[in-house]
Structures are given as C-alpha cells and as structure tokens.
Amino acid sequence: MKAVILAAAFDARISDPSRRVPKCLLDVGGRPLLASQLESLRKCDVTEITVVVGHGADAVREAFGDDVRYIVNDRYLETNSIYSLWLAREAAAGGFILLNGDVLFYRGILERLLASPHPDALTVDLEAGLGVRATKVRLDATKARVVEISKDIAPAHAHGRDVGLVKWSAEGTRVLFEVIEDLVGRGIVKTWAPYAYQVLLERRPIHAVTTDGLPWIEIEFEEDLFLAREAIVESIRRLDAARSR
C-alpha cells in the first residue's frame, strides 16, 4: 500500500511563528507533525509515500530530504486539496492511503483503517465535535456506509466527522480520479477533496471505519495546536507505552 499526504496549503489561521512554513512542519511533541505521520505509516508497512507540497515546499524538502517523494502544487494559493490530489494521480495509481497533512493521530486509527475488509473506506469519529468548518459525515442506518460527506451538513443531521484518513482500492482509485479529472477539467479546483468523494458515492460505496475513541486532532486553529501539544500527544504516548509492555 502506498500513501499520499496532502500538505500544500498555507493557513493564516495558525498564528504560531511556525506558520511561515506548512502546518505539516509545526512542532508537535518535539518533532514536525509530518514526522509523526511518516512514523505511523512505516510502522504499518506503508513505505512508498508521496507528499504534495506547496507553501514552504523548500522547508519540507530540507526537513525530510529523500525520505519521501514530492509533488509540488505551484497553484496552492488559488486551488485546494482536490487539485493537490489530482496532481498525485500517477503516484496513487493502484490503490493508496490518503492523509491530510494537518492531522495528528494515534497509529491504531490507521491500523483499523488498513484492517477494514472493505476496499474503499473512510475514517470517521462518531464522538467528535461537529463545528461549522468540520467536514461532516452522514451514514446509513447501519452506520456502515457513507451516505453524505460535506462541510455543509447540519450538525444535527451528521453522524460523525471525517478524520482525514481514507483507504482507496485500485478500482476505487480509478473511479476517484475519473471523478476528479472531470471536476478539474470543469475548473472546479478550489474545493476540498471530499467534494469528489460525494460525487463518487453515486457510482461506488465508501464504508466507514470508526476511530473507536482513539486520539486524533485536525490542526486548524491555534486552540487545536495547543490541544495537540498539551493533550493529544500525551494520550498517544500513553497508548504507545501500553502496547510496548
């Protein structure tokens, strides 16, 4: 299994001095956020990793060297994650794990995703807060399949929050990029990758894999960064320590 990490965007909402570089280089627990993601992937035997960079691309290359493959989104200021993902279509061919570069997560969440028997699966937190900016997920009656994914779902109608980790099979990848190719061809480049998932649902099912209460956080605001440093990192360390006993 291969992985693609989307880490091109510039986000001025993080006022930490490190905001001059991508969020994937924010110091969380004494190391860059991207380093934590790479460690989790490799411990799960996902070693062919591509990072889509944009803002601060040189800083990411300097930090990680030849550790990963890079694809540069030169249009990161005028596009969004759907375009970054489209740029990685060749690297993703045959099936891949997709990650957002601003997510800190416990490795067990990735393990649950990889262990899912379903070919295409999206990680969902059924207990997370469902703010206006969160990408929310609505599930079927069994809570096994994704029915809708969007930031625009009313919190009262959502079942959970998209974590930003998705598993795509070879066939799922093929259909996904057919959808994205059509969207990009029509000039739809300044929207989130989950927009393509919603369109894909008309052609192919996506199943849900729950976090089962395991720790993770998407770093969008200063308070997220504070919580990641003060609480989430410690929760992850405790779980790692417990499994190594």
Protein backbone atom coordinates (compact mmCIF):
# COMPACT_ATOMS: atom_id res chain seq x y z
CA MET A 1 0.00 0.00 0.00
CA LYS A 2 1.17 3.48 -0.89
CA ALA A 3 0.32 6.77 0.76
CA VAL A 4 -0.31 10.31 -0.43
CA ILE A 5 -0.16 13.17 2.08
CA LEU A 6 -1.74 16.49 1.12
CA ALA A 7 0.37 19.27 2.64
CA ALA A 8 0.39 22.15 0.16
CA ALA A 9 -1.89 24.74 1.73
CA PHE A 10 -1.00 27.93 3.53
CA ASP A 11 -3.23 28.57 6.53
CA ALA A 12 -3.03 32.01 8.13
CA ARG A 13 -5.37 30.95 10.95
CA ILE A 14 -2.45 29.39 12.83
CA SER A 15 -0.69 32.39 14.37
CA ASP A 16 2.18 30.33 15.76
CA PRO A 17 5.53 31.69 14.46
CA SER A 18 5.89 28.41 12.59
CA ARG A 19 3.01 29.41 10.31
CA ARG A 20 5.61 30.70 7.83
CA VAL A 21 6.05 27.05 6.95
CA PRO A 22 3.33 24.45 6.29
CA LYS A 23 1.30 23.05 9.13
CA CYS A 24 2.93 19.70 8.46
CA LEU A 25 6.14 21.19 9.92
CA LEU A 26 4.55 22.51 13.11
CA ASP A 27 6.37 21.22 16.17
CA VAL A 28 4.06 18.82 17.99
CA GLY A 29 5.61 16.73 20.72
CA GLY A 30 9.14 17.77 19.84
CA ARG A 31 9.06 16.92 16.15
CA PRO A 32 7.29 18.02 12.97
CA LEU A 33 3.73 16.84 12.55
CA LEU A 34 4.69 15.16 9.27
CA ALA A 35 7.32 13.08 11.07
CA SER A 36 4.60 11.57 13.26
CA GLN A 37 2.56 10.66 10.19
CA LEU A 38 5.54 9.09 8.43
CA GLU A 39 6.39 7.03 11.51
CA SER A 40 2.81 5.71 11.77
CA LEU A 41 2.72 4.82 8.08
CA ARG A 42 6.02 2.98 8.16
CA LYS A 43 5.13 1.06 11.30
CA CYS A 44 2.12 -0.15 9.32
CA ASP A 45 4.41 -1.17 6.43
CA VAL A 46 3.31 1.70 4.20
CA THR A 47 6.67 2.82 2.85
CA GLU A 48 6.03 4.31 -0.60
CA ILE A 49 5.00 7.81 0.45
CA THR A 50 4.32 10.89 -1.66
CA VAL A 51 3.83 14.34 -0.13
CA VAL A 52 2.11 17.07 -2.14
CA VAL A 53 3.79 20.32 -1.10
CA GLY A 54 3.19 23.95 -1.99
CA HIS A 55 3.62 26.66 0.63
CA GLY A 56 7.06 26.20 2.20
CA ALA A 57 7.96 23.37 -0.18
CA ASP A 58 11.69 24.01 0.23
CA ALA A 59 11.39 23.80 4.01
CA VAL A 60 9.69 20.41 3.77
CA ARG A 61 12.39 19.13 1.41
CA GLU A 62 15.08 20.41 3.76
CA ALA A 63 13.45 18.69 6.73
CA PHE A 64 12.87 15.29 5.12
CA GLY A 65 15.28 15.08 2.20
CA ASP A 66 14.92 11.92 0.16
CA ASP A 67 12.78 10.27 2.84
CA VAL A 68 9.67 10.73 0.69
CA ARG A 69 8.70 11.63 -2.86
CA TYR A 70 7.48 15.17 -3.50
CA ILE A 71 4.94 16.64 -5.88
CA VAL A 72 4.71 20.43 -5.98
CA ASN A 73 1.42 22.28 -6.24
CA ASP A 74 2.61 25.63 -7.57
CA ARG A 75 -1.00 26.87 -7.60
CA TYR A 76 -1.62 26.29 -3.88
CA LEU A 77 -2.86 29.85 -3.31
CA GLU A 78 -5.57 29.54 -5.95
CA THR A 79 -6.53 25.88 -5.52
CA ASN A 80 -7.47 23.49 -2.73
CA SER A 81 -6.94 19.86 -1.76
CA ILE A 82 -8.89 18.46 -4.72
CA TYR A 83 -6.29 19.92 -7.06
CA SER A 84 -3.36 18.72 -4.93
CA LEU A 85 -4.85 15.23 -5.02
CA TRP A 86 -5.29 15.42 -8.79
CA LEU A 87 -1.57 16.21 -9.14
CA ALA A 88 -0.81 12.94 -7.30
CA ARG A 89 -2.89 10.74 -9.62
CA GLU A 90 0.09 8.82 -11.00
CA ALA A 91 1.62 8.26 -7.56
CA ALA A 92 -1.74 6.97 -6.28
CA ALA A 93 -2.42 4.54 -9.13
CA GLY A 94 -3.21 1.02 -7.97
CA GLY A 95 -4.58 1.98 -4.57
CA PHE A 96 -3.36 4.18 -1.73
CA ILE A 97 -3.91 5.66 1.70
CA LEU A 98 -4.80 9.36 1.64
CA LEU A 99 -3.92 11.62 4.56
CA ASN A 100 -4.34 15.31 5.26
CA GLY A 101 -1.04 16.82 6.34
CA ASP A 102 -2.53 18.69 9.31
CA VAL A 103 -3.81 15.65 11.24
CA LEU A 104 -2.14 14.19 14.32
CA PHE A 105 -3.41 10.66 15.03
CA TYR A 106 -2.65 7.56 17.02
CA ARG A 107 -1.31 4.75 14.84
CA GLY A 108 -4.13 2.45 15.94
CA ILE A 109 -6.55 4.51 13.85
CA LEU A 110 -4.52 3.79 10.73
CA GLU A 111 -4.33 0.12 11.70
CA ARG A 112 -8.11 -0.02 11.95
CA LEU A 113 -8.43 1.52 8.51
CA LEU A 114 -5.95 -0.89 6.92
CA ALA A 115 -7.65 -3.85 8.58
CA SER A 116 -11.07 -2.97 7.17
CA PRO A 117 -12.35 -5.67 4.82
CA HIS A 118 -13.94 -3.02 2.63
CA PRO A 119 -11.95 -1.88 -0.41
CA ASP A 120 -12.74 1.82 -0.02
CA ALA A 121 -13.10 3.14 3.50
CA LEU A 122 -13.12 6.49 5.26
CA THR A 123 -12.23 7.05 8.89
CA VAL A 124 -14.99 8.67 10.93
CA ASP A 125 -15.07 9.91 14.51
CA LEU A 126 -18.59 9.40 15.87
CA GLU A 127 -17.84 11.36 19.05
CA ALA A 128 -16.05 14.47 17.74
CA GLY A 129 -17.45 17.96 17.83
CA LEU A 130 -19.24 18.94 14.62
CA GLY A 131 -18.45 22.60 14.12
CA VAL A 132 -19.39 24.63 11.08
CA ARG A 133 -15.98 24.18 9.44
CA ALA A 134 -15.70 20.45 10.14
CA THR A 135 -16.13 18.02 7.28
CA LYS A 136 -19.11 16.05 8.50
CA VAL A 137 -20.32 12.59 7.55
CA ARG A 138 -23.80 11.11 7.39
CA LEU A 139 -24.05 7.31 7.49
CA ASP A 140 -26.70 4.77 6.55
CA ALA A 141 -28.98 3.13 9.10
CA THR A 142 -26.35 0.54 10.00
CA LYS A 143 -23.65 3.22 10.31
CA ALA A 144 -21.52 1.12 7.99
CA ARG A 145 -21.63 3.12 4.77
CA VAL A 146 -21.13 6.78 3.98
CA VAL A 147 -24.28 8.43 2.61
CA GLU A 148 -23.08 12.02 2.52
CA ILE A 149 -19.84 13.89 3.24
CA SER A 150 -19.68 17.67 3.32
CA LYS A 151 -18.93 20.69 5.47
CA ASP A 152 -22.47 21.83 4.75
CA ILE A 153 -24.30 19.02 6.56
CA ALA A 154 -26.20 20.40 9.53
CA PRO A 155 -24.60 19.08 12.75
CA ALA A 156 -27.97 17.70 13.85
CA HIS A 157 -28.09 15.53 10.72
CA ALA A 158 -24.47 14.30 10.84
CA HIS A 159 -23.27 11.12 12.49
CA GLY A 160 -19.60 11.97 12.74
CA ARG A 161 -16.57 13.86 11.50
CA ASP A 162 -14.19 12.97 8.71
CA VAL A 163 -10.76 12.30 10.23
CA GLY A 164 -8.80 12.81 7.01
CA LEU A 165 -7.57 9.24 6.53
CA VAL A 166 -9.03 7.30 3.61
CA LYS A 167 -8.20 3.92 2.07
CA TRP A 168 -8.69 3.58 -1.68
CA SER A 169 -8.50 0.27 -3.55
CA ALA A 170 -7.17 0.02 -7.10
CA GLU A 171 -10.68 0.21 -8.54
CA GLY A 172 -11.74 2.91 -6.11
CA THR A 173 -8.68 4.93 -7.07
CA ARG A 174 -9.53 4.59 -10.75
CA VAL A 175 -13.08 5.85 -10.23
CA LEU A 176 -11.94 8.58 -7.84
CA PHE A 177 -9.58 10.08 -10.38
CA GLU A 178 -12.14 9.81 -13.15
CA VAL A 179 -14.36 11.97 -10.96
CA ILE A 180 -11.55 14.39 -10.11
CA GLU A 181 -10.41 14.61 -13.73
CA ASP A 182 -13.91 15.68 -14.71
CA LEU A 183 -14.14 18.23 -11.89
CA VAL A 184 -10.73 19.75 -12.56
CA GLY A 185 -11.49 19.80 -16.28
CA ARG A 186 -14.54 21.91 -15.49
CA GLY A 187 -12.45 24.31 -13.43
CA ILE A 188 -13.54 23.03 -10.02
CA VAL A 189 -10.14 23.30 -8.33
CA LYS A 190 -10.78 25.43 -5.24
CA THR A 191 -12.71 22.91 -3.18
CA TRP A 192 -11.91 20.11 -0.78
CA ALA A 193 -11.09 16.55 -1.83
CA PRO A 194 -14.22 15.21 -0.04
CA TYR A 195 -16.30 17.00 -2.68
CA ALA A 196 -15.06 14.33 -5.09
CA TYR A 197 -15.95 11.58 -2.60
CA GLN A 198 -19.53 12.82 -2.54
CA VAL A 199 -19.74 12.66 -6.33
CA LEU A 200 -18.13 9.21 -6.31
CA LEU A 201 -20.82 7.88 -3.95
CA GLU A 202 -23.21 7.84 -6.91
CA ARG A 203 -21.01 5.20 -8.53
CA ARG A 204 -19.29 3.32 -5.74
CA PRO A 205 -19.79 2.75 -1.99
CA ILE A 206 -17.46 4.11 0.65
CA HIS A 207 -17.58 2.36 4.02
CA ALA A 208 -16.95 3.95 7.39
CA VAL A 209 -14.25 2.90 9.83
CA THR A 210 -14.69 4.44 13.28
CA THR A 211 -11.89 5.74 15.46
CA ASP A 212 -13.35 3.83 18.44
CA GLY A 213 -12.35 6.65 20.76
CA LEU A 214 -8.66 6.64 19.81
CA PRO A 215 -6.98 10.08 19.91
CA TRP A 216 -6.55 12.35 16.92
CA ILE A 217 -6.89 16.02 16.04
CA GLU A 218 -7.04 18.16 12.92
CA ILE A 219 -4.98 21.30 13.46
CA GLU A 220 -6.98 24.18 12.01
CA PHE A 221 -6.77 26.85 14.70
CA GLU A 222 -4.45 27.96 17.49
CA GLU A 223 -6.55 26.13 20.05
CA ASP A 224 -6.16 22.91 18.07
CA LEU A 225 -2.39 23.30 18.11
CA PHE A 226 -2.46 23.92 21.86
CA LEU A 227 -4.64 20.86 22.45
CA ALA A 228 -2.42 18.72 20.22
CA ARG A 229 0.68 19.73 22.19
CA GLU A 230 -0.85 19.59 25.64
CA ALA A 231 -3.17 16.58 25.47
CA ILE A 232 -3.26 14.55 22.26
CA VAL A 233 0.49 13.89 22.17
CA GLU A 234 0.39 12.62 25.75
CA SER A 235 -2.58 10.36 25.00
CA ILE A 236 -0.71 8.88 22.06
CA ARG A 237 2.44 8.36 24.13
CA ARG A 238 0.49 6.57 26.84
CA LEU A 239 -1.08 4.23 24.30
CA ASP A 240 2.28 3.56 22.67
CA ALA A 241 3.81 2.81 26.05
CA ALA A 242 0.99 0.44 26.96
CA ARG A 243 1.31 -1.56 23.74
CA SER A 244 5.08 -1.91 24.14
CA ARG A 245 4.79 -3.57 27.56
